[in-house]
Amino acid sequence: MPANRYHFVSRWRVDGSVTEVADILDDAESLSRWWGSVYSNVDLIGEGDSAGLGKTFRLLGKGWLPYTLHLSFRKVDERYPNGFTVAISGDLNGTGIWSLVQEGPAVAVTFDWTVSADKAVLRWFSPVFKPIFASNHRWTMRRGEESLRLELLRRRATTPDDLVQIPAPPRPFWVEKRWLALASAVVLAAISGVLHLCHRSSQA
């Protein structure tokens, strides 16, 4: 597998029905509200057909590392309410497959993500920093599971009093400037160390 190729399988378990979860995941325009710790600047750029195939939206993605990803998602398969598949293009290129299974009062959610990281910083440094980039993805998915649980509660709320009792979704990691400074320092120090080693090797 090329160094800039990534394959992740994330599994969530949330209380609810597959239709509830499917309606949230399929509502691209709401991503920046309920999963705003990861996704922002969501723009619908293609409605797709009556089944939703071809529905395309553009967005920015981010995790705990100090970079953003410019992405487009296009729905290429619909299995409502049991999932769908999107083709991903931009700084990442590949596919993302959502699968939903009802298991009693809970929904088992699986996201299978296979992409090539084509953003320059990811492509160049994947051979060395692949575990760090993988950690960044796992962070985004943990925020997604937490955010989905809260969004399910919000959509079920029937009164303003019920709504105010529900915590706000997680905020973007970069909101806290001290964490941004720390993450930037760690990444820059690591890159500097690798470049120094490469320079010493070339002189040996």
N, C-alpha and C. Protein backbone atom coordinates (compact mmCIF):
# COMPACT_ATOMS: atom_id res chain seq x y z
N MET A 1 0.85 -1.19 0.00
CA MET A 1 0.00 0.00 0.00
C MET A 1 0.89 1.25 0.00
N PRO A 2 0.65 2.22 -0.90
CA PRO A 2 1.44 3.45 -0.90
C PRO A 2 1.37 4.15 0.45
N ALA A 3 2.43 4.87 0.79
CA ALA A 3 2.50 5.51 2.10
C ALA A 3 1.36 6.50 2.33
N ASN A 4 0.86 7.13 1.24
CA ASN A 4 -0.19 8.13 1.41
C ASN A 4 -1.59 7.53 1.26
N ARG A 5 -1.67 6.19 1.28
CA ARG A 5 -2.96 5.50 1.21
C ARG A 5 -3.40 5.14 2.62
N TYR A 6 -4.67 5.40 2.94
CA TYR A 6 -5.19 5.16 4.28
C TYR A 6 -6.48 4.35 4.21
N HIS A 7 -6.63 3.43 5.13
CA HIS A 7 -7.88 2.67 5.25
C HIS A 7 -8.24 2.57 6.73
N PHE A 8 -9.40 3.10 7.08
CA PHE A 8 -9.87 3.08 8.46
C PHE A 8 -11.28 2.51 8.50
N VAL A 9 -11.57 1.75 9.54
CA VAL A 9 -12.93 1.30 9.81
C VAL A 9 -13.28 1.77 11.22
N SER A 10 -14.25 2.67 11.31
CA SER A 10 -14.68 3.22 12.59
C SER A 10 -16.05 2.65 12.94
N ARG A 11 -16.24 2.31 14.19
CA ARG A 11 -17.52 1.73 14.64
C ARG A 11 -18.08 2.53 15.80
N TRP A 12 -19.34 2.93 15.65
CA TRP A 12 -20.05 3.64 16.71
C TRP A 12 -21.25 2.80 17.14
N ARG A 13 -21.74 3.11 18.32
CA ARG A 13 -22.99 2.49 18.79
C ARG A 13 -23.78 3.58 19.52
N VAL A 14 -24.96 3.87 19.02
CA VAL A 14 -25.77 4.94 19.61
C VAL A 14 -27.20 4.43 19.81
N ASP A 15 -27.88 4.95 20.83
CA ASP A 15 -29.27 4.59 21.06
C ASP A 15 -30.16 5.30 20.05
N GLY A 16 -31.08 4.55 19.45
CA GLY A 16 -31.98 5.15 18.48
C GLY A 16 -32.37 4.16 17.40
N SER A 17 -32.93 4.69 16.32
CA SER A 17 -33.35 3.86 15.19
C SER A 17 -32.48 4.18 13.98
N VAL A 18 -32.43 3.23 13.04
CA VAL A 18 -31.62 3.46 11.85
C VAL A 18 -32.15 4.65 11.04
N THR A 19 -33.46 4.86 11.05
CA THR A 19 -34.00 6.00 10.30
C THR A 19 -33.57 7.33 10.92
N GLU A 20 -33.55 7.40 12.26
CA GLU A 20 -33.08 8.62 12.92
C GLU A 20 -31.63 8.93 12.53
N VAL A 21 -30.79 7.91 12.62
CA VAL A 21 -29.37 8.11 12.33
C VAL A 21 -29.16 8.41 10.85
N ALA A 22 -29.86 7.68 9.98
CA ALA A 22 -29.72 7.89 8.54
C ALA A 22 -30.12 9.31 8.16
N ASP A 23 -31.19 9.83 8.78
CA ASP A 23 -31.64 11.18 8.45
C ASP A 23 -30.61 12.24 8.85
N ILE A 24 -29.91 11.98 9.94
CA ILE A 24 -28.88 12.94 10.38
C ILE A 24 -27.67 12.87 9.45
N LEU A 25 -27.18 11.67 9.21
CA LEU A 25 -25.98 11.53 8.38
C LEU A 25 -26.21 12.00 6.95
N ASP A 26 -27.45 11.86 6.46
CA ASP A 26 -27.76 12.25 5.09
C ASP A 26 -28.00 13.76 4.94
N ASP A 27 -28.15 14.44 6.06
CA ASP A 27 -28.45 15.87 6.04
C ASP A 27 -27.14 16.66 5.99
N ALA A 28 -26.54 16.70 4.80
CA ALA A 28 -25.22 17.31 4.65
C ALA A 28 -25.19 18.75 5.13
N GLU A 29 -26.26 19.50 4.86
CA GLU A 29 -26.26 20.91 5.21
C GLU A 29 -26.16 21.16 6.71
N SER A 30 -26.50 20.16 7.53
CA SER A 30 -26.45 20.35 8.98
C SER A 30 -25.12 19.91 9.60
N LEU A 31 -24.20 19.39 8.79
CA LEU A 31 -22.94 18.87 9.34
C LEU A 31 -22.19 19.89 10.17
N SER A 32 -22.11 21.12 9.68
CA SER A 32 -21.31 22.12 10.39
C SER A 32 -21.94 22.50 11.72
N ARG A 33 -23.22 22.21 11.90
CA ARG A 33 -23.88 22.52 13.17
C ARG A 33 -23.66 21.43 14.20
N TRP A 34 -23.91 20.16 13.80
CA TRP A 34 -23.83 19.11 14.82
C TRP A 34 -22.46 18.45 14.89
N TRP A 35 -21.67 18.51 13.79
CA TRP A 35 -20.31 17.94 13.80
C TRP A 35 -19.32 19.05 13.46
N GLY A 36 -19.55 20.21 14.04
CA GLY A 36 -18.75 21.39 13.73
C GLY A 36 -17.33 21.32 14.24
N SER A 37 -17.03 20.38 15.12
CA SER A 37 -15.65 20.20 15.57
C SER A 37 -14.76 19.71 14.44
N VAL A 38 -15.38 19.19 13.38
CA VAL A 38 -14.62 18.61 12.27
C VAL A 38 -14.97 19.28 10.93
N TYR A 39 -16.24 19.53 10.68
CA TYR A 39 -16.67 20.02 9.37
C TYR A 39 -17.21 21.45 9.43
N SER A 40 -16.82 22.25 8.43
CA SER A 40 -17.30 23.63 8.35
C SER A 40 -17.40 24.04 6.89
N ASN A 41 -17.99 25.22 6.65
CA ASN A 41 -18.12 25.76 5.28
C ASN A 41 -18.75 24.74 4.33
N VAL A 42 -19.84 24.13 4.78
CA VAL A 42 -20.51 23.11 3.97
C VAL A 42 -21.40 23.79 2.93
N ASP A 43 -21.18 23.46 1.66
CA ASP A 43 -21.97 24.02 0.56
C ASP A 43 -22.51 22.88 -0.30
N LEU A 44 -23.83 22.85 -0.49
CA LEU A 44 -24.44 21.89 -1.39
C LEU A 44 -24.23 22.39 -2.81
N ILE A 45 -23.58 21.58 -3.65
CA ILE A 45 -23.28 22.03 -5.02
C ILE A 45 -23.95 21.15 -6.07
N GLY A 46 -24.67 20.11 -5.62
CA GLY A 46 -25.40 19.25 -6.55
C GLY A 46 -26.49 18.51 -5.83
N GLU A 47 -27.74 18.65 -6.28
CA GLU A 47 -28.88 18.04 -5.59
C GLU A 47 -28.96 16.53 -5.81
N GLY A 48 -28.48 16.05 -6.95
CA GLY A 48 -28.62 14.64 -7.25
C GLY A 48 -30.01 14.32 -7.78
N ASP A 49 -30.29 13.01 -7.97
CA ASP A 49 -31.59 12.61 -8.49
C ASP A 49 -32.59 12.42 -7.36
N SER A 50 -33.76 11.87 -7.69
CA SER A 50 -34.83 11.72 -6.69
C SER A 50 -34.43 10.79 -5.55
N ALA A 51 -33.50 9.89 -5.80
CA ALA A 51 -33.01 8.97 -4.75
C ALA A 51 -31.81 9.53 -4.00
N GLY A 52 -31.35 10.72 -4.42
CA GLY A 52 -30.20 11.33 -3.76
C GLY A 52 -28.87 10.99 -4.40
N LEU A 53 -28.88 10.10 -5.39
CA LEU A 53 -27.62 9.76 -6.06
C LEU A 53 -27.10 10.97 -6.82
N GLY A 54 -25.81 11.21 -6.68
CA GLY A 54 -25.20 12.37 -7.30
C GLY A 54 -25.21 13.60 -6.42
N LYS A 55 -25.89 13.54 -5.28
CA LYS A 55 -25.88 14.67 -4.35
C LYS A 55 -24.44 14.98 -3.96
N THR A 56 -24.04 16.23 -4.12
CA THR A 56 -22.63 16.60 -3.93
C THR A 56 -22.54 17.83 -3.04
N PHE A 57 -21.64 17.78 -2.09
CA PHE A 57 -21.40 18.96 -1.26
C PHE A 57 -19.91 19.13 -1.02
N ARG A 58 -19.53 20.38 -0.85
CA ARG A 58 -18.13 20.77 -0.64
C ARG A 58 -18.00 21.30 0.77
N LEU A 59 -16.86 21.02 1.40
CA LEU A 59 -16.68 21.43 2.79
C LEU A 59 -15.20 21.51 3.16
N LEU A 60 -14.97 22.01 4.36
CA LEU A 60 -13.64 21.98 4.96
C LEU A 60 -13.66 20.98 6.11
N GLY A 61 -12.63 20.15 6.18
CA GLY A 61 -12.50 19.21 7.28
C GLY A 61 -11.24 19.50 8.08
N LYS A 62 -11.31 19.23 9.39
CA LYS A 62 -10.15 19.47 10.23
C LYS A 62 -10.21 18.56 11.45
N GLY A 63 -9.06 18.33 12.04
CA GLY A 63 -8.98 17.53 13.26
C GLY A 63 -8.20 18.29 14.31
N TRP A 64 -7.31 17.58 15.01
CA TRP A 64 -6.51 18.26 16.04
C TRP A 64 -5.17 18.77 15.48
N LEU A 65 -4.79 18.30 14.29
CA LEU A 65 -3.57 18.81 13.66
C LEU A 65 -3.85 20.15 12.97
N PRO A 66 -2.83 21.01 12.84
CA PRO A 66 -3.05 22.37 12.33
C PRO A 66 -3.09 22.48 10.81
N TYR A 67 -4.03 21.77 10.18
CA TYR A 67 -4.27 21.95 8.75
C TYR A 67 -5.74 21.66 8.47
N THR A 68 -6.23 22.16 7.35
CA THR A 68 -7.59 21.87 6.91
C THR A 68 -7.54 21.08 5.61
N LEU A 69 -8.62 20.38 5.33
CA LEU A 69 -8.76 19.60 4.11
C LEU A 69 -9.93 20.15 3.31
N HIS A 70 -9.70 20.46 2.04
CA HIS A 70 -10.75 20.87 1.13
C HIS A 70 -11.29 19.61 0.45
N LEU A 71 -12.56 19.32 0.68
CA LEU A 71 -13.12 18.05 0.23
C LEU A 71 -14.45 18.25 -0.48
N SER A 72 -14.76 17.34 -1.39
CA SER A 72 -16.08 17.23 -1.99
C SER A 72 -16.56 15.79 -1.79
N PHE A 73 -17.80 15.64 -1.36
CA PHE A 73 -18.42 14.33 -1.19
C PHE A 73 -19.56 14.20 -2.20
N ARG A 74 -19.59 13.12 -2.95
CA ARG A 74 -20.67 12.87 -3.92
C ARG A 74 -21.27 11.49 -3.64
N LYS A 75 -22.58 11.46 -3.41
CA LYS A 75 -23.22 10.19 -3.10
C LYS A 75 -23.31 9.33 -4.35
N VAL A 76 -22.76 8.10 -4.25
CA VAL A 76 -22.74 7.20 -5.41
C VAL A 76 -23.54 5.93 -5.16
N ASP A 77 -24.03 5.74 -3.94
CA ASP A 77 -24.85 4.56 -3.64
C ASP A 77 -25.77 4.92 -2.48
N GLU A 78 -27.02 4.50 -2.56
CA GLU A 78 -28.02 4.80 -1.52
C GLU A 78 -28.66 3.50 -1.06
N ARG A 79 -28.65 3.27 0.26
CA ARG A 79 -29.26 2.07 0.84
C ARG A 79 -30.15 2.46 2.02
N TYR A 80 -30.83 3.59 1.91
CA TYR A 80 -31.63 4.12 3.01
C TYR A 80 -32.60 3.06 3.53
N PRO A 81 -32.69 2.91 4.87
CA PRO A 81 -31.99 3.66 5.92
C PRO A 81 -30.72 2.97 6.42
N ASN A 82 -30.19 2.04 5.63
CA ASN A 82 -29.07 1.24 6.12
C ASN A 82 -27.71 1.71 5.65
N GLY A 83 -27.66 2.93 5.08
CA GLY A 83 -26.37 3.50 4.75
C GLY A 83 -26.28 4.05 3.34
N PHE A 84 -25.11 4.51 3.00
CA PHE A 84 -24.85 5.06 1.68
C PHE A 84 -23.34 5.14 1.48
N THR A 85 -22.94 5.40 0.24
CA THR A 85 -21.52 5.50 -0.11
C THR A 85 -21.27 6.83 -0.78
N VAL A 86 -20.15 7.46 -0.42
CA VAL A 86 -19.77 8.71 -1.06
C VAL A 86 -18.40 8.56 -1.71
N ALA A 87 -18.26 9.22 -2.86
CA ALA A 87 -16.95 9.35 -3.50
C ALA A 87 -16.34 10.66 -3.01
N ILE A 88 -15.09 10.61 -2.60
CA ILE A 88 -14.42 11.75 -1.99
C ILE A 88 -13.36 12.27 -2.95
N SER A 89 -13.32 13.59 -3.12
CA SER A 89 -12.30 14.18 -3.98
C SER A 89 -11.79 15.46 -3.34
N GLY A 90 -10.63 15.90 -3.80
CA GLY A 90 -9.99 17.09 -3.26
C GLY A 90 -8.66 16.75 -2.63
N ASP A 91 -8.45 17.21 -1.40
CA ASP A 91 -7.20 16.90 -0.70
C ASP A 91 -7.10 15.42 -0.34
N LEU A 92 -8.25 14.74 -0.26
CA LEU A 92 -8.32 13.29 -0.11
C LEU A 92 -9.14 12.75 -1.28
N ASN A 93 -8.78 11.57 -1.77
CA ASN A 93 -9.51 10.97 -2.88
C ASN A 93 -9.75 9.50 -2.59
N GLY A 94 -11.02 9.09 -2.69
CA GLY A 94 -11.35 7.70 -2.40
C GLY A 94 -12.83 7.53 -2.15
N THR A 95 -13.18 6.67 -1.19
CA THR A 95 -14.58 6.40 -0.89
C THR A 95 -14.80 6.33 0.62
N GLY A 96 -16.03 6.66 1.01
CA GLY A 96 -16.47 6.50 2.39
C GLY A 96 -17.79 5.76 2.40
N ILE A 97 -17.88 4.67 3.15
CA ILE A 97 -19.08 3.83 3.17
C ILE A 97 -19.69 3.84 4.57
N TRP A 98 -20.91 4.37 4.68
CA TRP A 98 -21.66 4.34 5.93
C TRP A 98 -22.58 3.12 5.92
N SER A 99 -22.56 2.34 7.01
CA SER A 99 -23.45 1.19 7.15
C SER A 99 -24.14 1.28 8.51
N LEU A 100 -25.46 1.10 8.51
CA LEU A 100 -26.25 1.21 9.74
C LEU A 100 -27.05 -0.07 9.95
N VAL A 101 -26.97 -0.64 11.15
CA VAL A 101 -27.68 -1.87 11.48
C VAL A 101 -28.40 -1.69 12.81
N GLN A 102 -29.69 -2.00 12.83
CA GLN A 102 -30.45 -1.93 14.08
C GLN A 102 -30.12 -3.14 14.93
N GLU A 103 -29.73 -2.90 16.17
CA GLU A 103 -29.43 -3.97 17.12
C GLU A 103 -30.19 -3.68 18.40
N GLY A 104 -31.44 -4.15 18.45
CA GLY A 104 -32.30 -3.84 19.59
C GLY A 104 -32.58 -2.35 19.64
N PRO A 105 -32.38 -1.72 20.80
CA PRO A 105 -32.65 -0.28 20.92
C PRO A 105 -31.51 0.60 20.41
N ALA A 106 -30.46 -0.01 19.89
CA ALA A 106 -29.29 0.74 19.46
C ALA A 106 -29.03 0.55 17.97
N VAL A 107 -28.21 1.44 17.45
CA VAL A 107 -27.79 1.37 16.05
C VAL A 107 -26.27 1.17 16.01
N ALA A 108 -25.84 0.15 15.29
CA ALA A 108 -24.42 -0.06 15.06
C ALA A 108 -24.06 0.68 13.77
N VAL A 109 -23.17 1.64 13.89
CA VAL A 109 -22.76 2.48 12.76
C VAL A 109 -21.32 2.12 12.40
N THR A 110 -21.10 1.83 11.13
CA THR A 110 -19.74 1.55 10.65
C THR A 110 -19.41 2.52 9.53
N PHE A 111 -18.23 3.10 9.61
CA PHE A 111 -17.76 3.97 8.53
C PHE A 111 -16.45 3.41 8.02
N ASP A 112 -16.46 3.00 6.76
CA ASP A 112 -15.29 2.42 6.10
C ASP A 112 -14.72 3.48 5.15
N TRP A 113 -13.50 3.92 5.44
CA TRP A 113 -12.90 5.09 4.79
C TRP A 113 -11.62 4.65 4.11
N THR A 114 -11.56 4.71 2.78
CA THR A 114 -10.37 4.34 2.03
C THR A 114 -10.00 5.51 1.13
N VAL A 115 -8.87 6.15 1.40
CA VAL A 115 -8.51 7.36 0.66
C VAL A 115 -7.01 7.43 0.40
N SER A 116 -6.67 8.19 -0.63
CA SER A 116 -5.29 8.62 -0.84
C SER A 116 -5.19 10.06 -0.36
N ALA A 117 -4.20 10.35 0.46
CA ALA A 117 -4.00 11.70 0.98
C ALA A 117 -3.15 12.48 -0.02
N ASP A 118 -3.80 13.37 -0.77
CA ASP A 118 -3.11 14.08 -1.84
C ASP A 118 -2.81 15.54 -1.51
N LYS A 119 -3.23 16.02 -0.34
CA LYS A 119 -2.77 17.32 0.11
C LYS A 119 -1.27 17.25 0.29
N ALA A 120 -0.55 18.28 -0.14
CA ALA A 120 0.91 18.21 -0.20
C ALA A 120 1.54 17.76 1.12
N VAL A 121 1.14 18.39 2.23
CA VAL A 121 1.78 18.07 3.51
C VAL A 121 1.54 16.61 3.89
N LEU A 122 0.37 16.05 3.54
CA LEU A 122 0.09 14.66 3.85
C LEU A 122 0.84 13.71 2.91
N ARG A 123 0.88 14.07 1.64
CA ARG A 123 1.57 13.22 0.67
C ARG A 123 3.08 13.16 0.95
N TRP A 124 3.66 14.31 1.27
CA TRP A 124 5.11 14.36 1.50
C TRP A 124 5.52 13.64 2.77
N PHE A 125 4.71 13.83 3.83
CA PHE A 125 5.17 13.35 5.14
C PHE A 125 4.49 12.07 5.61
N SER A 126 3.59 11.50 4.80
CA SER A 126 2.97 10.23 5.20
C SER A 126 3.98 9.13 5.47
N PRO A 127 5.08 9.03 4.70
CA PRO A 127 6.04 7.95 4.99
C PRO A 127 6.56 7.99 6.43
N VAL A 128 6.62 9.17 7.02
CA VAL A 128 7.18 9.31 8.37
C VAL A 128 6.09 9.50 9.42
N PHE A 129 5.08 10.31 9.09
CA PHE A 129 4.09 10.72 10.09
C PHE A 129 2.74 10.04 9.94
N LYS A 130 2.70 8.92 9.24
CA LYS A 130 1.42 8.25 9.03
C LYS A 130 0.70 7.94 10.34
N PRO A 131 1.37 7.49 11.40
CA PRO A 131 0.65 7.25 12.66
C PRO A 131 0.02 8.51 13.24
N ILE A 132 0.67 9.67 13.06
CA ILE A 132 0.11 10.93 13.56
C ILE A 132 -1.12 11.31 12.74
N PHE A 133 -1.03 11.18 11.42
CA PHE A 133 -2.18 11.50 10.57
C PHE A 133 -3.34 10.55 10.86
N ALA A 134 -3.03 9.28 11.15
CA ALA A 134 -4.07 8.32 11.49
C ALA A 134 -4.73 8.69 12.82
N SER A 135 -3.93 9.14 13.77
CA SER A 135 -4.47 9.60 15.05
C SER A 135 -5.42 10.77 14.85
N ASN A 136 -5.09 11.64 13.92
CA ASN A 136 -5.95 12.78 13.62
C ASN A 136 -7.32 12.31 13.14
N HIS A 137 -7.33 11.30 12.25
CA HIS A 137 -8.60 10.76 11.76
C HIS A 137 -9.40 10.14 12.91
N ARG A 138 -8.75 9.35 13.74
CA ARG A 138 -9.47 8.71 14.84
C ARG A 138 -10.06 9.74 15.78
N TRP A 139 -9.36 10.86 15.99
CA TRP A 139 -9.89 11.95 16.81
C TRP A 139 -11.17 12.49 16.22
N THR A 140 -11.19 12.72 14.90
CA THR A 140 -12.39 13.27 14.26
C THR A 140 -13.57 12.31 14.41
N MET A 141 -13.32 11.01 14.32
CA MET A 141 -14.41 10.05 14.42
C MET A 141 -14.94 9.93 15.84
N ARG A 142 -14.08 10.06 16.83
CA ARG A 142 -14.57 10.06 18.21
C ARG A 142 -15.47 11.27 18.46
N ARG A 143 -15.08 12.42 17.90
CA ARG A 143 -15.93 13.61 18.03
C ARG A 143 -17.26 13.39 17.30
N GLY A 144 -17.20 12.66 16.18
CA GLY A 144 -18.43 12.39 15.44
C GLY A 144 -19.41 11.55 16.24
N GLU A 145 -18.93 10.50 16.90
CA GLU A 145 -19.83 9.65 17.70
C GLU A 145 -20.45 10.46 18.84
N GLU A 146 -19.63 11.24 19.52
CA GLU A 146 -20.13 12.08 20.60
C GLU A 146 -21.16 13.09 20.08
N SER A 147 -20.86 13.69 18.94
CA SER A 147 -21.76 14.70 18.38
C SER A 147 -23.06 14.08 17.89
N LEU A 148 -23.00 12.87 17.33
CA LEU A 148 -24.21 12.20 16.86
C LEU A 148 -25.15 11.91 18.02
N ARG A 149 -24.62 11.44 19.14
CA ARG A 149 -25.47 11.18 20.31
C ARG A 149 -26.20 12.45 20.74
N LEU A 150 -25.48 13.56 20.76
CA LEU A 150 -26.10 14.82 21.18
C LEU A 150 -27.14 15.29 20.16
N GLU A 151 -26.86 15.11 18.88
CA GLU A 151 -27.82 15.53 17.85
C GLU A 151 -29.09 14.70 17.92
N LEU A 152 -28.99 13.42 18.22
CA LEU A 152 -30.18 12.59 18.40
C LEU A 152 -31.03 13.13 19.54
N LEU A 153 -30.40 13.51 20.63
CA LEU A 153 -31.15 14.07 21.76
C LEU A 153 -31.80 15.39 21.37
N ARG A 154 -31.09 16.23 20.63
CA ARG A 154 -31.65 17.53 20.23
C ARG A 154 -32.87 17.34 19.34
N ARG A 155 -32.79 16.40 18.41
CA ARG A 155 -33.91 16.21 17.48
C ARG A 155 -35.12 15.60 18.16
N ARG A 156 -34.91 14.94 19.29
CA ARG A 156 -36.04 14.35 20.03
C ARG A 156 -36.65 15.32 21.03
N ALA A 157 -35.94 16.40 21.33
CA ALA A 157 -36.44 17.34 22.34
C ALA A 157 -37.78 17.92 21.89
N THR A 158 -38.74 17.97 22.83
CA THR A 158 -40.09 18.44 22.49
C THR A 158 -40.42 19.80 23.08
N THR A 159 -39.60 20.28 24.01
CA THR A 159 -39.85 21.58 24.61
C THR A 159 -38.54 22.37 24.70
N PRO A 160 -38.62 23.69 24.79
CA PRO A 160 -37.40 24.49 24.97
C PRO A 160 -36.62 24.08 26.20
N ASP A 161 -37.32 23.71 27.27
CA ASP A 161 -36.64 23.28 28.49
C ASP A 161 -35.82 22.01 28.26
N ASP A 162 -36.39 21.08 27.48
CA ASP A 162 -35.65 19.86 27.16
C ASP A 162 -34.40 20.21 26.37
N LEU A 163 -34.54 21.14 25.45
CA LEU A 163 -33.43 21.49 24.55
C LEU A 163 -32.26 22.12 25.30
N VAL A 164 -32.56 22.98 26.26
CA VAL A 164 -31.47 23.68 26.96
C VAL A 164 -30.70 22.74 27.88
N GLN A 165 -31.25 21.57 28.18
CA GLN A 165 -30.56 20.61 29.04
C GLN A 165 -29.50 19.81 28.28
N ILE A 166 -29.53 19.90 26.95
CA ILE A 166 -28.61 19.10 26.14
C ILE A 166 -27.32 19.88 25.91
N PRO A 167 -26.18 19.31 26.23
CA PRO A 167 -24.91 20.04 26.02
C PRO A 167 -24.69 20.42 24.57
N ALA A 168 -23.96 21.48 24.37
CA ALA A 168 -23.58 21.87 23.01
C ALA A 168 -22.63 20.84 22.42
N PRO A 169 -22.59 20.71 21.11
CA PRO A 169 -21.65 19.75 20.49
C PRO A 169 -20.21 20.17 20.74
N PRO A 170 -19.28 19.24 20.65
CA PRO A 170 -17.86 19.58 20.84
C PRO A 170 -17.43 20.69 19.89
N ARG A 171 -16.55 21.54 20.37
CA ARG A 171 -16.05 22.63 19.54
C ARG A 171 -14.81 22.18 18.77
N PRO A 172 -14.47 22.91 17.70
CA PRO A 172 -13.23 22.59 16.98
C PRO A 172 -12.03 22.66 17.91
N PHE A 173 -11.10 21.79 17.71
CA PHE A 173 -9.88 21.76 18.53
C PHE A 173 -9.15 23.09 18.45
N TRP A 174 -9.20 23.72 17.28
CA TRP A 174 -8.42 24.95 17.07
C TRP A 174 -9.02 26.15 17.77
N VAL A 175 -10.21 26.02 18.31
CA VAL A 175 -10.80 27.16 19.02
C VAL A 175 -9.92 27.59 20.18
N GLU A 176 -9.28 26.62 20.81
CA GLU A 176 -8.40 26.91 21.92
C GLU A 176 -7.00 27.22 21.38
N LYS A 177 -6.59 28.48 21.42
CA LYS A 177 -5.34 28.89 20.80
C LYS A 177 -4.13 28.20 21.40
N ARG A 178 -4.20 27.90 22.68
CA ARG A 178 -3.04 27.26 23.30
C ARG A 178 -2.83 25.85 22.73
N TRP A 179 -3.94 25.16 22.40
CA TRP A 179 -3.81 23.85 21.80
C TRP A 179 -3.30 23.94 20.38
N LEU A 180 -3.75 24.96 19.65
CA LEU A 180 -3.24 25.16 18.29
C LEU A 180 -1.74 25.40 18.32
N ALA A 181 -1.29 26.23 19.26
CA ALA A 181 0.13 26.52 19.38
C ALA A 181 0.92 25.25 19.71
N LEU A 182 0.37 24.44 20.62
CA LEU A 182 1.05 23.21 21.02
C LEU A 182 1.13 22.23 19.85
N ALA A 183 -0.01 22.03 19.14
CA ALA A 183 -0.03 21.10 18.02
C ALA A 183 0.93 21.55 16.92
N SER A 184 0.94 22.85 16.64
CA SER A 184 1.83 23.38 15.62
C SER A 184 3.29 23.15 15.99
N ALA A 185 3.61 23.39 17.27
CA ALA A 185 4.98 23.22 17.73
C ALA A 185 5.43 21.76 17.61
N VAL A 186 4.54 20.83 17.98
CA VAL A 186 4.88 19.41 17.90
C VAL A 186 5.14 19.00 16.46
N VAL A 187 4.24 19.40 15.55
CA VAL A 187 4.39 19.01 14.15
C VAL A 187 5.64 19.63 13.54
N LEU A 188 5.86 20.90 13.80
CA LEU A 188 7.03 21.57 13.23
C LEU A 188 8.33 20.98 13.77
N ALA A 189 8.34 20.65 15.06
CA ALA A 189 9.53 20.05 15.64
C ALA A 189 9.81 18.69 15.01
N ALA A 190 8.75 17.91 14.79
CA ALA A 190 8.92 16.60 14.18
C ALA A 190 9.44 16.73 12.75
N ILE A 191 8.86 17.65 11.99
CA ILE A 191 9.31 17.85 10.61
C ILE A 191 10.76 18.32 10.58
N SER A 192 11.09 19.24 11.48
CA SER A 192 12.46 19.74 11.55
C SER A 192 13.44 18.61 11.86
N GLY A 193 13.03 17.71 12.76
CA GLY A 193 13.91 16.59 13.11
C GLY A 193 14.15 15.67 11.94
N VAL A 194 13.09 15.39 11.19
CA VAL A 194 13.24 14.50 10.03
C VAL A 194 14.13 15.15 8.97
N LEU A 195 13.91 16.44 8.70
CA LEU A 195 14.74 17.13 7.71
C LEU A 195 16.20 17.16 8.13
N HIS A 196 16.44 17.32 9.44
CA HIS A 196 17.82 17.33 9.94
C HIS A 196 18.47 15.97 9.73
N LEU A 197 17.73 14.89 10.01
CA LEU A 197 18.27 13.55 9.81
C LEU A 197 18.56 13.29 8.34
N CYS A 198 17.65 13.74 7.47
CA CYS A 198 17.85 13.56 6.03
C CYS A 198 19.10 14.30 5.56
N HIS A 199 19.30 15.51 6.10
CA HIS A 199 20.46 16.32 5.73
C HIS A 199 21.75 15.63 6.18
N ARG A 200 21.75 15.10 7.40
CA ARG A 200 22.94 14.42 7.91
C ARG A 200 23.24 13.15 7.09
N SER A 201 22.16 12.44 6.69
CA SER A 201 22.36 11.23 5.90
C SER A 201 22.96 11.55 4.54
N SER A 202 22.51 12.66 3.96
CA SER A 202 23.02 13.02 2.64
C SER A 202 24.48 13.42 2.67
N GLN A 203 24.96 13.87 3.86
CA GLN A 203 26.36 14.28 4.00
C GLN A 203 27.27 13.15 4.42
N ALA A 204 26.64 12.03 4.82
CA ALA A 204 27.44 10.90 5.32
C ALA A 204 28.20 10.22 4.17
